[in-house]
């Protein structure tokens, strides 16, 4: 499944300014974060939990889905005849 992390990227920029700071706060490398944001690997439950903490991104339990589980819309590339 492919996820849209635009809202998460915006929240990182808003709260921490840099993705490298976010990666450090959730305990992963910048390379690992890049892999996750580019849908090459998945965020773990522990990483999501850390990301939502008040001193990191301050995301409420009700909003987790909007940041981590929004499906990327893929337009059908077939031409209609």
PDB file of N, CA and C in Angstrom:
ATOM      1  N   UNK A   1       0.839  -1.178   0.000  1.00  0.00           N
ATOM      2  CA  UNK A   1       0.000   0.000   0.000  1.00  0.00           C
ATOM      3  C   UNK A   1       0.890   1.250   0.000  1.00  0.00           C
ATOM      4  N   UNK A   2       0.472   2.257  -0.736  1.00  0.00           N
ATOM      5  CA  UNK A   2       1.237   3.498  -0.844  1.00  0.00           C
ATOM      6  C   UNK A   2       0.517   4.588  -0.057  1.00  0.00           C
ATOM      7  N   UNK A   3       1.266   5.230   0.840  1.00  0.00           N
ATOM      8  CA  UNK A   3       0.685   6.274   1.681  1.00  0.00           C
ATOM      9  C   UNK A   3       1.168   7.657   1.274  1.00  0.00           C
ATOM     10  N   UNK A   4       0.321   8.642   1.525  1.00  0.00           N
ATOM     11  CA  UNK A   4       0.632  10.046   1.261  1.00  0.00           C
ATOM     12  C   UNK A   4       1.105  10.676   2.569  1.00  0.00           C
ATOM     13  N   UNK A   5       2.376  11.029   2.639  1.00  0.00           N
ATOM     14  CA  UNK A   5       2.940  11.596   3.857  1.00  0.00           C
ATOM     15  C   UNK A   5       3.103  13.113   3.795  1.00  0.00           C
ATOM     16  N   UNK A   6       2.390  13.784   2.886  1.00  0.00           N
ATOM     17  CA  UNK A   6       2.510  15.239   2.781  1.00  0.00           C
ATOM     18  C   UNK A   6       2.122  15.948   4.076  1.00  0.00           C
ATOM     19  N   UNK A   7       1.062  15.497   4.708  1.00  0.00           N
ATOM     20  CA  UNK A   7       0.625  16.131   5.959  1.00  0.00           C
ATOM     21  C   UNK A   7       1.664  15.887   7.060  1.00  0.00           C
ATOM     22  N   UNK A   8       2.240  14.702   7.110  1.00  0.00           N
ATOM     23  CA  UNK A   8       3.278  14.391   8.088  1.00  0.00           C
ATOM     24  C   UNK A   8       4.511  15.262   7.845  1.00  0.00           C
ATOM     25  N   UNK A   9       4.913  15.389   6.595  1.00  0.00           N
ATOM     26  CA  UNK A   9       6.075  16.240   6.263  1.00  0.00           C
ATOM     27  C   UNK A   9       5.817  17.690   6.693  1.00  0.00           C
ATOM     28  N   UNK A  10       4.607  18.169   6.488  1.00  0.00           N
ATOM     29  CA  UNK A  10       4.256  19.528   6.902  1.00  0.00           C
ATOM     30  C   UNK A  10       4.320  19.699   8.412  1.00  0.00           C
ATOM     31  N   UNK A  11       3.854  18.699   9.131  1.00  0.00           N
ATOM     32  CA  UNK A  11       3.871  18.751  10.597  1.00  0.00           C
ATOM     33  C   UNK A  11       5.310  18.724  11.113  1.00  0.00           C
ATOM     34  N   UNK A  12       6.152  17.922  10.482  1.00  0.00           N
ATOM     35  CA  UNK A  12       7.568  17.874  10.866  1.00  0.00           C
ATOM     36  C   UNK A  12       8.189  19.248  10.684  1.00  0.00           C
ATOM     37  N   UNK A  13       7.930  19.863   9.542  1.00  0.00           N
ATOM     38  CA  UNK A  13       8.491  21.186   9.253  1.00  0.00           C
ATOM     39  C   UNK A  13       7.961  22.225  10.244  1.00  0.00           C
ATOM     40  N   UNK A  14       6.675  22.153  10.547  1.00  0.00           N
ATOM     41  CA  UNK A  14       6.038  23.097  11.467  1.00  0.00           C
ATOM     42  C   UNK A  14       6.599  22.974  12.887  1.00  0.00           C
ATOM     43  N   UNK A  15       6.723  21.740  13.373  1.00  0.00           N
ATOM     44  CA  UNK A  15       7.099  21.521  14.772  1.00  0.00           C
ATOM     45  C   UNK A  15       8.605  21.447  15.007  1.00  0.00           C
ATOM     46  N   UNK A  16       9.342  20.836  14.073  1.00  0.00           N
ATOM     47  CA  UNK A  16      10.764  20.566  14.319  1.00  0.00           C
ATOM     48  C   UNK A  16      11.700  21.203  13.298  1.00  0.00           C
ATOM     49  N   UNK A  17      11.156  21.724  12.238  1.00  0.00           N
ATOM     50  CA  UNK A  17      11.871  22.384  11.159  1.00  0.00           C
ATOM     51  C   UNK A  17      12.565  21.423  10.197  1.00  0.00           C
ATOM     52  N   UNK A  18      13.262  20.415  10.727  1.00  0.00           N
ATOM     53  CA  UNK A  18      14.042  19.525   9.868  1.00  0.00           C
ATOM     54  C   UNK A  18      13.674  18.054  10.065  1.00  0.00           C
ATOM     55  N   UNK A  19      13.658  17.304   8.966  1.00  0.00           N
ATOM     56  CA  UNK A  19      13.389  15.876   9.043  1.00  0.00           C
ATOM     57  C   UNK A  19      14.475  15.155   9.831  1.00  0.00           C
ATOM     58  N   UNK A  20      15.705  15.657   9.785  1.00  0.00           N
ATOM     59  CA  UNK A  20      16.806  15.025  10.521  1.00  0.00           C
ATOM     60  C   UNK A  20      16.555  15.073  12.031  1.00  0.00           C
ATOM     61  N   UNK A  21      15.971  16.158  12.521  1.00  0.00           N
ATOM     62  CA  UNK A  21      15.632  16.286  13.949  1.00  0.00           C
ATOM     63  C   UNK A  21      14.538  15.280  14.295  1.00  0.00           C
ATOM     64  N   UNK A  22      13.551  15.152  13.419  1.00  0.00           N
ATOM     65  CA  UNK A  22      12.472  14.193  13.632  1.00  0.00           C
ATOM     66  C   UNK A  22      13.024  12.770  13.702  1.00  0.00           C
ATOM     67  N   UNK A  23      13.891  12.416  12.759  1.00  0.00           N
ATOM     68  CA  UNK A  23      14.476  11.075  12.737  1.00  0.00           C
ATOM     69  C   UNK A  23      15.190  10.781  14.055  1.00  0.00           C
ATOM     70  N   UNK A  24      15.963  11.740  14.522  1.00  0.00           N
ATOM     71  CA  UNK A  24      16.695  11.565  15.778  1.00  0.00           C
ATOM     72  C   UNK A  24      15.737  11.362  16.955  1.00  0.00           C
ATOM     73  N   UNK A  25      14.671  12.150  16.996  1.00  0.00           N
ATOM     74  CA  UNK A  25      13.720  12.072  18.108  1.00  0.00           C
ATOM     75  C   UNK A  25      12.971  10.740  18.161  1.00  0.00           C
ATOM     76  N   UNK A  26      12.766  10.115  16.993  1.00  0.00           N
ATOM     77  CA  UNK A  26      12.068   8.823  17.016  1.00  0.00           C
ATOM     78  C   UNK A  26      13.044   7.645  16.967  1.00  0.00           C
ATOM     79  N   UNK A  27      14.341   7.950  16.973  1.00  0.00           N
ATOM     80  CA  UNK A  27      15.348   6.906  17.103  1.00  0.00           C
ATOM     81  C   UNK A  27      15.709   6.144  15.844  1.00  0.00           C
ATOM     82  N   UNK A  28      15.626   6.823  14.691  1.00  0.00           N
ATOM     83  CA  UNK A  28      16.027   6.176  13.437  1.00  0.00           C
ATOM     84  C   UNK A  28      16.980   7.098  12.677  1.00  0.00           C
ATOM     85  N   UNK A  29      17.649   6.547  11.687  1.00  0.00           N
ATOM     86  CA  UNK A  29      18.569   7.350  10.881  1.00  0.00           C
ATOM     87  C   UNK A  29      17.786   8.174   9.855  1.00  0.00           C
ATOM     88  N   UNK A  30      18.459   9.168   9.293  1.00  0.00           N
ATOM     89  CA  UNK A  30      17.838   9.976   8.245  1.00  0.00           C
ATOM     90  C   UNK A  30      17.541   9.120   7.014  1.00  0.00           C
ATOM     91  N   UNK A  31      18.413   8.158   6.733  1.00  0.00           N
ATOM     92  CA  UNK A  31      18.205   7.252   5.594  1.00  0.00           C
ATOM     93  C   UNK A  31      16.953   6.403   5.819  1.00  0.00           C
ATOM     94  N   UNK A  32      16.795   5.888   7.042  1.00  0.00           N
ATOM     95  CA  UNK A  32      15.609   5.083   7.361  1.00  0.00           C
ATOM     96  C   UNK A  32      14.344   5.925   7.240  1.00  0.00           C
ATOM     97  N   UNK A  33      14.390   7.168   7.715  1.00  0.00           N
ATOM     98  CA  UNK A  33      13.224   8.043   7.602  1.00  0.00           C
ATOM     99  C   UNK A  33      12.876   8.305   6.144  1.00  0.00           C
ATOM    100  N   UNK A  34      13.874   8.585   5.347  1.00  0.00           N
ATOM    101  CA  UNK A  34      13.650   8.819   3.922  1.00  0.00           C
ATOM    102  C   UNK A  34      12.982   7.603   3.277  1.00  0.00           C
ATOM    103  N   UNK A  35      13.440   6.428   3.636  1.00  0.00           N
ATOM    104  CA  UNK A  35      12.859   5.193   3.118  1.00  0.00           C
ATOM    105  C   UNK A  35      11.378   5.075   3.488  1.00  0.00           C
ATOM    106  N   UNK A  36      11.052   5.441   4.705  1.00  0.00           N
ATOM    107  CA  UNK A  36       9.667   5.365   5.170  1.00  0.00           C
ATOM    108  C   UNK A  36       8.793   6.413   4.470  1.00  0.00           C
ATOM    109  N   UNK A  37       9.288   7.638   4.351  1.00  0.00           N
ATOM    110  CA  UNK A  37       8.518   8.704   3.720  1.00  0.00           C
ATOM    111  C   UNK A  37       8.343   8.493   2.218  1.00  0.00           C
ATOM    112  N   UNK A  38       9.200   7.642   1.642  1.00  0.00           N
ATOM    113  CA  UNK A  38       9.103   7.335   0.218  1.00  0.00           C
ATOM    114  C   UNK A  38       8.482   5.958  -0.033  1.00  0.00           C
ATOM    115  N   UNK A  39       7.791   5.432   0.991  1.00  0.00           N
ATOM    116  CA  UNK A  39       7.037   4.180   0.885  1.00  0.00           C
ATOM    117  C   UNK A  39       7.893   2.967   0.521  1.00  0.00           C
ATOM    118  N   UNK A  40       9.143   2.987   0.923  1.00  0.00           N
ATOM    119  CA  UNK A  40      10.020   1.831   0.674  1.00  0.00           C
ATOM    120  C   UNK A  40      10.032   0.907   1.892  1.00  0.00           C
ATOM    121  N   UNK A  41       9.684   1.448   3.059  1.00  0.00           N
ATOM    122  CA  UNK A  41       9.519   0.657   4.283  1.00  0.00           C
ATOM    123  C   UNK A  41       8.430   1.317   5.116  1.00  0.00           C
ATOM    124  N   UNK A  42       7.967   0.605   6.138  1.00  0.00           N
ATOM    125  CA  UNK A  42       6.845   1.086   6.950  1.00  0.00           C
ATOM    126  C   UNK A  42       7.309   1.618   8.303  1.00  0.00           C
ATOM    127  N   UNK A  43       6.550   2.564   8.826  1.00  0.00           N
ATOM    128  CA  UNK A  43       6.767   3.025  10.195  1.00  0.00           C
ATOM    129  C   UNK A  43       6.324   1.911  11.141  1.00  0.00           C
ATOM    130  N   UNK A  44       7.070   1.701  12.218  1.00  0.00           N
ATOM    131  CA  UNK A  44       6.659   0.727  13.232  1.00  0.00           C
ATOM    132  C   UNK A  44       5.700   1.403  14.200  1.00  0.00           C
ATOM    133  N   UNK A  45       4.997   0.616  14.973  1.00  0.00           N
ATOM    134  CA  UNK A  45       4.087   1.160  15.986  1.00  0.00           C
ATOM    135  C   UNK A  45       4.867   2.003  16.996  1.00  0.00           C
ATOM    136  N   UNK A  46       6.055   1.558  17.359  1.00  0.00           N
ATOM    137  CA  UNK A  46       6.885   2.305  18.315  1.00  0.00           C
ATOM    138  C   UNK A  46       7.292   3.655  17.750  1.00  0.00           C
ATOM    139  N   UNK A  47       7.674   3.700  16.478  1.00  0.00           N
ATOM    140  CA  UNK A  47       8.064   4.959  15.840  1.00  0.00           C
ATOM    141  C   UNK A  47       6.880   5.924  15.770  1.00  0.00           C
ATOM    142  N   UNK A  48       5.710   5.407  15.442  1.00  0.00           N
ATOM    143  CA  UNK A  48       4.511   6.249  15.378  1.00  0.00           C
ATOM    144  C   UNK A  48       4.183   6.788  16.769  1.00  0.00           C
ATOM    145  N   UNK A  49       4.274   5.933  17.758  1.00  0.00           N
ATOM    146  CA  UNK A  49       4.001   6.341  19.137  1.00  0.00           C
ATOM    147  C   UNK A  49       4.951   7.456  19.579  1.00  0.00           C
ATOM    148  N   UNK A  50       6.237   7.298  19.294  1.00  0.00           N
ATOM    149  CA  UNK A  50       7.225   8.333  19.639  1.00  0.00           C
ATOM    150  C   UNK A  50       6.942   9.626  18.880  1.00  0.00           C
ATOM    151  N   UNK A  51       6.592   9.508  17.602  1.00  0.00           N
ATOM    152  CA  UNK A  51       6.328  10.679  16.763  1.00  0.00           C
ATOM    153  C   UNK A  51       5.171  11.511  17.302  1.00  0.00           C
ATOM    154  N   UNK A  52       4.194  10.846  17.907  1.00  0.00           N
ATOM    155  CA  UNK A  52       2.999  11.529  18.383  1.00  0.00           C
ATOM    156  C   UNK A  52       3.173  12.205  19.742  1.00  0.00           C
ATOM    157  N   UNK A  53       4.275  11.928  20.412  1.00  0.00           N
ATOM    158  CA  UNK A  53       4.502  12.510  21.739  1.00  0.00           C
ATOM    159  C   UNK A  53       4.481  14.035  21.687  1.00  0.00           C
ATOM    160  N   UNK A  54       4.114  14.625  22.804  1.00  0.00           N
ATOM    161  CA  UNK A  54       3.950  16.076  22.910  1.00  0.00           C
ATOM    162  C   UNK A  54       5.208  16.848  22.523  1.00  0.00           C
ATOM    163  N   UNK A  55       6.376  16.340  22.906  1.00  0.00           N
ATOM    164  CA  UNK A  55       7.621  17.062  22.617  1.00  0.00           C
ATOM    165  C   UNK A  55       8.192  16.740  21.235  1.00  0.00           C
ATOM    166  N   UNK A  56       7.477  15.923  20.468  1.00  0.00           N
ATOM    167  CA  UNK A  56       7.919  15.623  19.102  1.00  0.00           C
ATOM    168  C   UNK A  56       6.948  16.316  18.141  1.00  0.00           C
ATOM    169  N   UNK A  57       5.888  15.636  17.697  1.00  0.00           N
ATOM    170  CA  UNK A  57       4.934  16.262  16.767  1.00  0.00           C
ATOM    171  C   UNK A  57       3.600  16.611  17.402  1.00  0.00           C
ATOM    172  N   UNK A  58       3.371  16.142  18.625  1.00  0.00           N
ATOM    173  CA  UNK A  58       2.145  16.452  19.358  1.00  0.00           C
ATOM    174  C   UNK A  58       0.897  16.140  18.521  1.00  0.00           C
ATOM    175  N   UNK A  59       0.780  14.879  18.117  1.00  0.00           N
ATOM    176  CA  UNK A  59      -0.364  14.424  17.326  1.00  0.00           C
ATOM    177  C   UNK A  59      -1.287  13.630  18.246  1.00  0.00           C
ATOM    178  N   UNK A  60      -2.562  13.972  18.242  1.00  0.00           N
ATOM    179  CA  UNK A  60      -3.520  13.266  19.094  1.00  0.00           C
ATOM    180  C   UNK A  60      -3.794  11.870  18.535  1.00  0.00           C
ATOM    181  N   UNK A  61      -4.238  10.991  19.409  1.00  0.00           N
ATOM    182  CA  UNK A  61      -4.553   9.618  19.020  1.00  0.00           C
ATOM    183  C   UNK A  61      -5.577   9.593  17.890  1.00  0.00           C
ATOM    184  N   UNK A  62      -6.530  10.503  17.929  1.00  0.00           N
ATOM    185  CA  UNK A  62      -7.585  10.559  16.905  1.00  0.00           C
ATOM    186  C   UNK A  62      -7.071  10.983  15.533  1.00  0.00           C
ATOM    187  N   UNK A  63      -5.914  11.650  15.495  1.00  0.00           N
ATOM    188  CA  UNK A  63      -5.391  12.178  14.236  1.00  0.00           C
ATOM    189  C   UNK A  63      -4.283  11.333  13.610  1.00  0.00           C
ATOM    190  N   UNK A  64      -3.886  10.254  14.259  1.00  0.00           N
ATOM    191  CA  UNK A  64      -2.781   9.426  13.763  1.00  0.00           C
ATOM    192  C   UNK A  64      -3.011   8.988  12.312  1.00  0.00           C
ATOM    193  N   UNK A  65      -4.223   8.568  12.007  1.00  0.00           N
ATOM    194  CA  UNK A  65      -4.532   8.095  10.663  1.00  0.00           C
ATOM    195  C   UNK A  65      -4.285   9.123   9.582  1.00  0.00           C
ATOM    196  N   UNK A  66      -4.570  10.384   9.872  1.00  0.00           N
ATOM    197  CA  UNK A  66      -4.382  11.452   8.893  1.00  0.00           C
ATOM    198  C   UNK A  66      -2.915  11.636   8.530  1.00  0.00           C
ATOM    199  N   UNK A  67      -2.033  11.389   9.468  1.00  0.00           N
ATOM    200  CA  UNK A  67      -0.600  11.600   9.253  1.00  0.00           C
ATOM    201  C   UNK A  67       0.128  10.363   8.739  1.00  0.00           C
ATOM    202  N   UNK A  68      -0.303   9.172   9.178  1.00  0.00           N
ATOM    203  CA  UNK A  68       0.445   7.962   8.872  1.00  0.00           C
ATOM    204  C   UNK A  68      -0.268   6.960   7.974  1.00  0.00           C
ATOM    205  N   UNK A  69      -1.577   7.102   7.778  1.00  0.00           N
ATOM    206  CA  UNK A  69      -2.309   6.076   7.037  1.00  0.00           C
ATOM    207  C   UNK A  69      -3.236   6.629   5.967  1.00  0.00           C
ATOM    208  N   UNK A  70      -2.941   7.798   5.432  1.00  0.00           N
ATOM    209  CA  UNK A  70      -3.724   8.338   4.330  1.00  0.00           C
ATOM    210  C   UNK A  70      -3.206   7.715   3.040  1.00  0.00           C
ATOM    211  N   UNK A  71      -4.079   7.028   2.335  1.00  0.00           N
ATOM    212  CA  UNK A  71      -3.670   6.377   1.090  1.00  0.00           C
ATOM    213  C   UNK A  71      -3.412   7.422   0.015  1.00  0.00           C
ATOM    214  N   UNK A  72      -2.366   7.197  -0.742  1.00  0.00           N
ATOM    215  CA  UNK A  72      -2.048   8.081  -1.866  1.00  0.00           C
ATOM    216  C   UNK A  72      -3.010   7.762  -3.001  1.00  0.00           C
ATOM    217  N   UNK A  73      -3.603   8.789  -3.554  1.00  0.00           N
ATOM    218  CA  UNK A  73      -4.510   8.592  -4.672  1.00  0.00           C
ATOM    219  C   UNK A  73      -3.695   8.372  -5.934  1.00  0.00           C
ATOM    220  N   UNK A  74      -4.005   7.306  -6.623  1.00  0.00           N
ATOM    221  CA  UNK A  74      -3.314   7.017  -7.874  1.00  0.00           C
ATOM    222  C   UNK A  74      -4.333   7.094  -8.996  1.00  0.00           C
ATOM    223  N   UNK A  75      -4.106   8.008  -9.903  1.00  0.00           N
ATOM    224  CA  UNK A  75      -5.022   8.157 -11.025  1.00  0.00           C
ATOM    225  C   UNK A  75      -4.775   7.054 -12.040  1.00  0.00           C
ATOM    226  N   UNK A  76      -5.839   6.557 -12.582  1.00  0.00           N
ATOM    227  CA  UNK A  76      -5.734   5.521 -13.594  1.00  0.00           C
ATOM    228  C   UNK A  76      -5.126   6.125 -14.849  1.00  0.00           C
ATOM    229  N   UNK A  77      -4.035   5.545 -15.315  1.00  0.00           N
ATOM    230  CA  UNK A  77      -3.328   6.120 -16.453  1.00  0.00           C
ATOM    231  C   UNK A  77      -3.868   5.632 -17.805  1.00  0.00           C
ATOM    232  N   UNK A  78      -4.862   4.746 -17.792  1.00  0.00           N
ATOM    233  CA  UNK A  78      -5.424   4.265 -19.051  1.00  0.00           C
ATOM    234  C   UNK A  78      -6.236   5.372 -19.729  1.00  0.00           C
ATOM    235  N   UNK A  79      -6.123   5.388 -21.037  1.00  0.00           N
ATOM    236  CA  UNK A  79      -6.922   6.347 -21.800  1.00  0.00           C
ATOM    237  C   UNK A  79      -8.282   5.732 -22.077  1.00  0.00           C
ATOM    238  N   UNK A  80      -9.302   6.529 -21.969  1.00  0.00           N
ATOM    239  CA  UNK A  80     -10.650   6.052 -22.255  1.00  0.00           C
ATOM    240  C   UNK A  80     -10.879   6.163 -23.759  1.00  0.00           C
ATOM    241  N   UNK A  81     -11.330   5.073 -24.350  1.00  0.00           N
ATOM    242  CA  UNK A  81     -11.553   5.059 -25.804  1.00  0.00           C
ATOM    243  C   UNK A  81     -13.004   5.228 -26.127  1.00  0.00           C
TER     244      UNK A  81
END
